[in-house]
Amino acid sequence: TGAELAEKAGVGFPHTAHCAPDEIIMSFMSGSPSEGYPAEGNGYVSFNPQTLEINGRWERGDKKQSFGYDFWYQPRHNVMVSS
């Protein structure tokens, strides 16, 4: 649910999903704090493709990106390019 994603991964509204070899990656845009979504909720979340459980944030580190619109994933090189 949206509330579970906001709580576990700190993201807002879903935007785009792509399948990777062992996970599903979905981009998120910021949400409305009045609706319980974090205003800085941009980012990427990894899901287990078999159970759809939330694995956590795809990106690493403390710095968060400003946008989370779309992305392209190249599984042969394990590289993601985002906008």
Protein backbone atom coordinates (compact mmCIF):
# COMPACT_ATOMS: atom_id res chain seq x y z
CA THR A 1 0.00 0.00 0.00
CA GLY A 2 1.01 3.63 -0.31
CA ALA A 3 1.25 4.00 3.46
CA GLU A 4 3.51 0.95 3.73
CA LEU A 5 5.80 2.28 0.99
CA ALA A 6 5.98 5.69 2.68
CA GLU A 7 6.80 4.07 6.02
CA LYS A 8 9.33 1.46 4.83
CA ALA A 9 11.00 3.28 1.96
CA GLY A 10 10.11 6.97 2.40
CA VAL A 11 8.59 7.36 -1.06
CA GLY A 12 5.51 9.12 -2.45
CA PHE A 13 3.54 8.22 -5.56
CA PRO A 14 4.57 5.43 -8.00
CA HIS A 15 5.58 6.41 -11.52
CA THR A 16 7.40 3.75 -13.58
CA ALA A 17 8.32 0.10 -13.05
CA HIS A 18 10.91 -2.07 -14.79
CA CYS A 19 11.87 -5.68 -14.22
CA ALA A 20 15.46 -6.58 -13.44
CA PRO A 21 16.82 -10.15 -13.32
CA ASP A 22 16.12 -10.64 -9.62
CA GLU A 23 13.98 -7.66 -8.61
CA ILE A 24 11.34 -5.20 -9.74
CA ILE A 25 12.44 -1.56 -9.58
CA MET A 26 9.82 1.18 -9.38
CA SER A 27 10.38 4.94 -9.49
CA PHE A 28 8.47 7.26 -7.17
CA MET A 29 7.68 10.96 -7.13
CA SER A 30 7.16 13.05 -4.02
CA GLY A 31 3.79 13.02 -2.38
CA SER A 32 1.59 15.18 -0.26
CA PRO A 33 2.54 15.29 3.44
CA SER A 34 -1.09 16.05 4.30
CA GLU A 35 -1.99 12.65 2.84
CA GLY A 36 0.78 10.88 4.77
CA TYR A 37 3.38 10.81 1.97
CA PRO A 38 6.83 12.35 2.42
CA ALA A 39 7.39 15.57 0.45
CA GLU A 40 10.92 14.37 -0.37
CA GLY A 41 9.63 10.96 -1.49
CA ASN A 42 11.48 10.80 -4.82
CA GLY A 43 13.48 7.69 -5.42
CA TYR A 44 13.56 4.05 -6.41
CA VAL A 45 12.29 1.00 -4.55
CA SER A 46 13.23 -2.63 -5.09
CA PHE A 47 10.55 -5.32 -4.80
CA ASN A 48 10.87 -9.08 -4.65
CA PRO A 49 9.32 -10.25 -7.95
CA GLN A 50 7.88 -13.45 -6.47
CA THR A 51 6.34 -12.12 -3.24
CA LEU A 52 6.10 -8.38 -4.06
CA GLU A 53 7.61 -7.66 -0.64
CA ILE A 54 9.51 -4.38 -0.36
CA ASN A 55 13.27 -5.02 -0.43
CA GLY A 56 14.05 -1.36 0.29
CA ARG A 57 15.49 1.61 -1.54
CA TRP A 58 17.37 0.78 -4.74
CA GLU A 59 19.73 3.73 -4.46
CA ARG A 60 22.35 3.81 -1.72
CA GLY A 61 23.71 6.59 0.46
CA ASP A 62 22.22 9.53 2.28
CA LYS A 63 21.87 11.89 -0.68
CA LYS A 64 18.41 11.81 -2.30
CA GLN A 65 17.69 12.84 -5.86
CA SER A 66 15.44 15.78 -6.72
CA PHE A 67 13.27 13.89 -9.19
CA GLY A 68 12.17 10.33 -9.78
CA TYR A 69 10.38 10.37 -13.10
CA ASP A 70 11.68 7.66 -15.36
CA PHE A 71 14.66 5.40 -15.72
CA TRP A 72 16.33 2.87 -17.97
CA TYR A 73 17.97 -0.26 -16.60
CA GLN A 74 20.59 -2.30 -18.46
CA PRO A 75 20.76 -5.70 -16.73
CA ARG A 76 23.85 -6.92 -18.59
CA HIS A 77 25.87 -4.12 -17.01
CA ASN A 78 23.81 -3.60 -13.81
CA VAL A 79 23.52 0.10 -14.65
CA MET A 80 20.53 2.40 -14.26
CA VAL A 81 20.15 5.86 -15.85
CA SER A 82 17.44 8.07 -14.39
CA SER A 83 15.92 11.47 -14.98
